[in-house]
């Protein structure tokens, strides 16, 4: 079995110059930030899908309620006049 420490040190020597090129004062979200963002996006998508399903089940008579309100307002105005 090959020595893993030798291959790890070889990989480290190749990655250290790449890491030095990065600005040490710059902060990036990294993989954890991407995972958190992706989970939040999936949660929002699931909530929107659930909301659309629940709103589709809501059934209320808009026309009869609106017409009834207009009739009662007209009747109230007629009583005030007469």
C-alpha atoms as a PDB file:
ATOM      1  CA  UNK A   1       0.000   0.000   0.000  1.00  0.00           C
ATOM      2  CA  UNK A   2       1.476   3.395  -0.949  1.00  0.00           C
ATOM      3  CA  UNK A   3       2.436   5.903   1.677  1.00  0.00           C
ATOM      4  CA  UNK A   4      -0.492   8.356   1.986  1.00  0.00           C
ATOM      5  CA  UNK A   5       1.552  11.023   3.739  1.00  0.00           C
ATOM      6  CA  UNK A   6       3.796  11.389   0.695  1.00  0.00           C
ATOM      7  CA  UNK A   7       0.877  11.945  -1.650  1.00  0.00           C
ATOM      8  CA  UNK A   8      -0.764  14.314   0.835  1.00  0.00           C
ATOM      9  CA  UNK A   9       2.393  16.389   1.151  1.00  0.00           C
ATOM     10  CA  UNK A  10       2.774  16.441  -2.641  1.00  0.00           C
ATOM     11  CA  UNK A  11      -0.801  17.689  -3.030  1.00  0.00           C
ATOM     12  CA  UNK A  12      -0.223  20.248  -0.301  1.00  0.00           C
ATOM     13  CA  UNK A  13       2.898  21.604  -2.015  1.00  0.00           C
ATOM     14  CA  UNK A  14       0.880  22.097  -5.205  1.00  0.00           C
ATOM     15  CA  UNK A  15      -2.051  23.778  -3.435  1.00  0.00           C
ATOM     16  CA  UNK A  16      -0.061  26.148  -1.215  1.00  0.00           C
ATOM     17  CA  UNK A  17       0.974  28.457  -4.098  1.00  0.00           C
ATOM     18  CA  UNK A  18      -2.670  28.591  -5.231  1.00  0.00           C
ATOM     19  CA  UNK A  19      -3.764  29.526  -1.730  1.00  0.00           C
ATOM     20  CA  UNK A  20      -1.146  32.290  -1.520  1.00  0.00           C
ATOM     21  CA  UNK A  21      -2.654  33.919  -4.628  1.00  0.00           C
ATOM     22  CA  UNK A  22      -5.952  34.433  -2.789  1.00  0.00           C
ATOM     23  CA  UNK A  23      -6.392  37.673  -0.902  1.00  0.00           C
ATOM     24  CA  UNK A  24      -6.279  36.884   2.806  1.00  0.00           C
ATOM     25  CA  UNK A  25      -8.542  39.852   3.620  1.00  0.00           C
ATOM     26  CA  UNK A  26     -11.295  38.649   1.278  1.00  0.00           C
ATOM     27  CA  UNK A  27     -14.041  36.521   2.804  1.00  0.00           C
ATOM     28  CA  UNK A  28     -16.049  34.158   0.601  1.00  0.00           C
ATOM     29  CA  UNK A  29     -19.103  32.090   1.568  1.00  0.00           C
ATOM     30  CA  UNK A  30     -17.617  28.820   0.351  1.00  0.00           C
ATOM     31  CA  UNK A  31     -19.377  25.500   0.114  1.00  0.00           C
ATOM     32  CA  UNK A  32     -21.270  25.894   3.381  1.00  0.00           C
ATOM     33  CA  UNK A  33     -22.770  29.183   2.188  1.00  0.00           C
ATOM     34  CA  UNK A  34     -23.881  27.555  -1.054  1.00  0.00           C
ATOM     35  CA  UNK A  35     -25.466  24.635   0.799  1.00  0.00           C
ATOM     36  CA  UNK A  36     -27.353  26.964   3.161  1.00  0.00           C
ATOM     37  CA  UNK A  37     -28.555  29.069   0.214  1.00  0.00           C
ATOM     38  CA  UNK A  38     -29.672  25.970  -1.714  1.00  0.00           C
ATOM     39  CA  UNK A  39     -31.598  24.613   1.302  1.00  0.00           C
ATOM     40  CA  UNK A  40     -33.314  27.970   1.787  1.00  0.00           C
ATOM     41  CA  UNK A  41     -34.226  28.131  -1.908  1.00  0.00           C
ATOM     42  CA  UNK A  42     -35.734  24.636  -1.763  1.00  0.00           C
ATOM     43  CA  UNK A  43     -37.685  25.563   1.379  1.00  0.00           C
ATOM     44  CA  UNK A  44     -39.122  28.680  -0.281  1.00  0.00           C
ATOM     45  CA  UNK A  45     -40.050  26.657  -3.364  1.00  0.00           C
ATOM     46  CA  UNK A  46     -41.818  24.043  -1.221  1.00  0.00           C
ATOM     47  CA  UNK A  47     -43.670  26.729   0.754  1.00  0.00           C
ATOM     48  CA  UNK A  48     -44.830  28.465  -2.442  1.00  0.00           C
ATOM     49  CA  UNK A  49     -46.029  25.165  -3.886  1.00  0.00           C
ATOM     50  CA  UNK A  50     -47.932  24.400  -0.671  1.00  0.00           C
ATOM     51  CA  UNK A  51     -49.429  27.901  -0.603  1.00  0.00           C
ATOM     52  CA  UNK A  52     -50.643  27.569  -4.205  1.00  0.00           C
ATOM     53  CA  UNK A  53     -52.255  24.233  -3.395  1.00  0.00           C
ATOM     54  CA  UNK A  54     -54.005  25.633  -0.306  1.00  0.00           C
ATOM     55  CA  UNK A  55     -55.139  28.780  -2.104  1.00  0.00           C
ATOM     56  CA  UNK A  56     -56.587  26.596  -4.855  1.00  0.00           C
ATOM     57  CA  UNK A  57     -58.782  24.854  -2.281  1.00  0.00           C
ATOM     58  CA  UNK A  58     -60.248  28.126  -0.996  1.00  0.00           C
ATOM     59  CA  UNK A  59     -63.716  28.687  -2.398  1.00  0.00           C
ATOM     60  CA  UNK A  60     -65.795  31.691  -1.506  1.00  0.00           C
ATOM     61  CA  UNK A  61     -68.605  33.377  -3.444  1.00  0.00           C
ATOM     62  CA  UNK A  62     -67.270  36.789  -4.457  1.00  0.00           C
ATOM     63  CA  UNK A  63     -70.140  37.774  -6.753  1.00  0.00           C
ATOM     64  CA  UNK A  64     -73.009  37.053  -4.383  1.00  0.00           C
ATOM     65  CA  UNK A  65     -71.209  38.700  -1.477  1.00  0.00           C
ATOM     66  CA  UNK A  66     -70.358  41.809  -3.503  1.00  0.00           C
ATOM     67  CA  UNK A  67     -73.879  42.045  -4.946  1.00  0.00           C
ATOM     68  CA  UNK A  68     -75.394  41.616  -1.483  1.00  0.00           C
ATOM     69  CA  UNK A  69     -73.293  44.471  -0.111  1.00  0.00           C
ATOM     70  CA  UNK A  70     -74.363  46.745  -2.963  1.00  0.00           C
ATOM     71  CA  UNK A  71     -78.038  45.886  -2.382  1.00  0.00           C
ATOM     72  CA  UNK A  72     -77.855  46.638   1.328  1.00  0.00           C
ATOM     73  CA  UNK A  73     -76.082  49.937   0.659  1.00  0.00           C
ATOM     74  CA  UNK A  74     -78.744  50.891  -1.902  1.00  0.00           C
ATOM     75  CA  UNK A  75     -81.513  49.902   0.518  1.00  0.00           C
ATOM     76  CA  UNK A  76     -79.898  51.935   3.305  1.00  0.00           C
ATOM     77  CA  UNK A  77     -79.596  54.976   1.041  1.00  0.00           C
ATOM     78  CA  UNK A  78     -83.263  54.618  -0.047  1.00  0.00           C
ATOM     79  CA  UNK A  79     -84.408  54.482   3.586  1.00  0.00           C
ATOM     80  CA  UNK A  80     -82.489  57.665   4.391  1.00  0.00           C
ATOM     81  CA  UNK A  81     -84.144  59.473   1.467  1.00  0.00           C
ATOM     82  CA  UNK A  82     -87.658  58.322   2.149  1.00  0.00           C
END
